[in-house]
Amino acid sequence: MTQKPMTKTQLVAAIAESASLDKASANRALEALTEVVTREVSQGGAVTLPGLGKFACRARPERMVRNPSTGEQMKKPADRVAKVTIAKQLKDVINA
């Protein structure tokens, strides 16, 4: 069941074919979408892509972590991470 992930070139070609666009237009659309989602999430917002999922920024508090090679405990400062929640519609398609 494991297969290689789709490359950007393959994704652009699939978008172009599905939307009846040339590859250059599909590439610009993909880059614009990536830019908008990145900008919004990096500013602490969230973006919902209907049928796919929601991209959001989540704050993680300061915490104690352990170095696996030495076993040393250290304090990791608070940071922010991107969180992706998959839409129910996509889950249903995957599990059908």
Protein backbone atom coordinates (compact mmCIF):
# COMPACT_ATOMS: atom_id res chain seq x y z
CA MET A 1 0.00 0.00 0.00
CA THR A 2 2.96 2.32 0.50
CA GLN A 3 3.83 4.28 -2.59
CA LYS A 4 6.04 7.22 -3.42
CA PRO A 5 4.52 10.64 -2.72
CA MET A 6 3.46 12.74 -5.68
CA THR A 7 6.14 15.24 -6.71
CA LYS A 8 5.43 18.91 -7.32
CA THR A 9 5.82 18.37 -11.08
CA GLN A 10 3.29 15.54 -11.01
CA LEU A 11 0.92 17.61 -8.86
CA VAL A 12 1.13 20.59 -11.22
CA ALA A 13 0.47 18.31 -14.21
CA ALA A 14 -2.55 16.75 -12.47
CA ILE A 15 -3.96 20.18 -11.53
CA ALA A 16 -3.44 21.42 -15.10
CA GLU A 17 -5.24 18.41 -16.55
CA SER A 18 -8.09 18.47 -14.02
CA ALA A 19 -8.73 22.22 -14.34
CA SER A 20 -8.05 22.44 -18.10
CA LEU A 21 -5.15 24.83 -17.54
CA ASP A 22 -1.67 25.01 -18.96
CA LYS A 23 1.10 23.83 -16.62
CA ALA A 24 2.45 27.36 -16.06
CA SER A 25 -0.94 28.60 -14.81
CA ALA A 26 -1.37 25.54 -12.61
CA ASN A 27 2.11 26.08 -11.15
CA ARG A 28 1.34 29.75 -10.39
CA ALA A 29 -1.94 28.74 -8.72
CA LEU A 30 -0.19 26.13 -6.57
CA GLU A 31 2.55 28.58 -5.56
CA ALA A 32 -0.06 31.25 -4.73
CA LEU A 33 -2.00 28.78 -2.55
CA THR A 34 1.21 27.75 -0.78
CA GLU A 35 2.15 31.39 -0.17
CA VAL A 36 -1.28 32.33 1.23
CA VAL A 37 -1.46 29.32 3.57
CA THR A 38 2.14 29.83 4.75
CA ARG A 39 1.63 33.53 5.44
CA GLU A 40 -1.65 33.05 7.30
CA VAL A 41 -0.44 30.14 9.47
CA SER A 42 2.90 31.85 10.27
CA GLN A 43 0.94 34.86 11.57
CA GLY A 44 -0.97 32.58 13.96
CA GLY A 45 -4.09 32.17 11.85
CA ALA A 46 -5.72 29.15 10.28
CA VAL A 47 -6.77 28.17 6.77
CA THR A 48 -9.46 25.64 5.93
CA LEU A 49 -9.32 23.91 2.56
CA PRO A 50 -12.82 22.46 2.12
CA GLY A 51 -12.74 18.71 1.66
CA LEU A 52 -9.05 18.47 2.61
CA GLY A 53 -8.48 19.86 6.07
CA LYS A 54 -7.44 22.76 8.22
CA PHE A 55 -3.95 24.21 8.63
CA ALA A 56 -3.36 26.08 11.88
CA CYS A 57 -0.61 27.37 14.13
CA ARG A 58 -0.42 25.97 17.66
CA ALA A 59 1.68 27.23 20.56
CA ARG A 60 3.61 24.69 22.63
CA PRO A 61 4.59 25.62 26.17
CA GLU A 62 8.10 25.41 27.63
CA ARG A 63 8.78 21.82 28.69
CA MET A 64 11.39 19.38 29.89
CA VAL A 65 12.82 17.03 27.25
CA ARG A 66 15.39 14.24 27.33
CA ASN A 67 18.34 13.83 24.98
CA PRO A 68 17.91 10.22 23.79
CA SER A 69 21.63 9.59 23.30
CA THR A 70 22.85 10.93 26.67
CA GLY A 71 19.69 10.75 28.79
CA GLU A 72 20.30 14.36 29.89
CA GLN A 73 17.21 16.35 30.87
CA MET A 74 16.98 19.88 29.47
CA LYS A 75 14.42 22.65 29.25
CA LYS A 76 13.05 23.32 25.76
CA PRO A 77 11.70 26.85 25.29
CA ALA A 78 8.14 27.53 24.14
CA ASP A 79 7.64 27.41 20.39
CA ARG A 80 4.97 27.26 17.72
CA VAL A 81 4.17 24.38 15.37
CA ALA A 82 1.94 23.89 12.35
CA LYS A 83 -1.00 21.56 12.91
CA VAL A 84 -3.00 19.89 10.14
CA THR A 85 -6.45 18.47 10.87
CA ILE A 86 -7.80 16.21 8.14
CA ALA A 87 -11.38 16.89 6.98
CA LYS A 88 -14.05 14.25 7.63
CA GLN A 89 -14.83 14.13 3.91
CA LEU A 90 -11.24 13.07 3.12
CA LYS A 91 -11.24 10.51 5.95
CA ASP A 92 -14.44 9.00 4.58
CA VAL A 93 -12.99 8.73 1.05
CA ILE A 94 -9.81 7.09 2.38
CA ASN A 95 -11.70 4.56 4.50
CA ALA A 96 -14.37 3.72 1.89
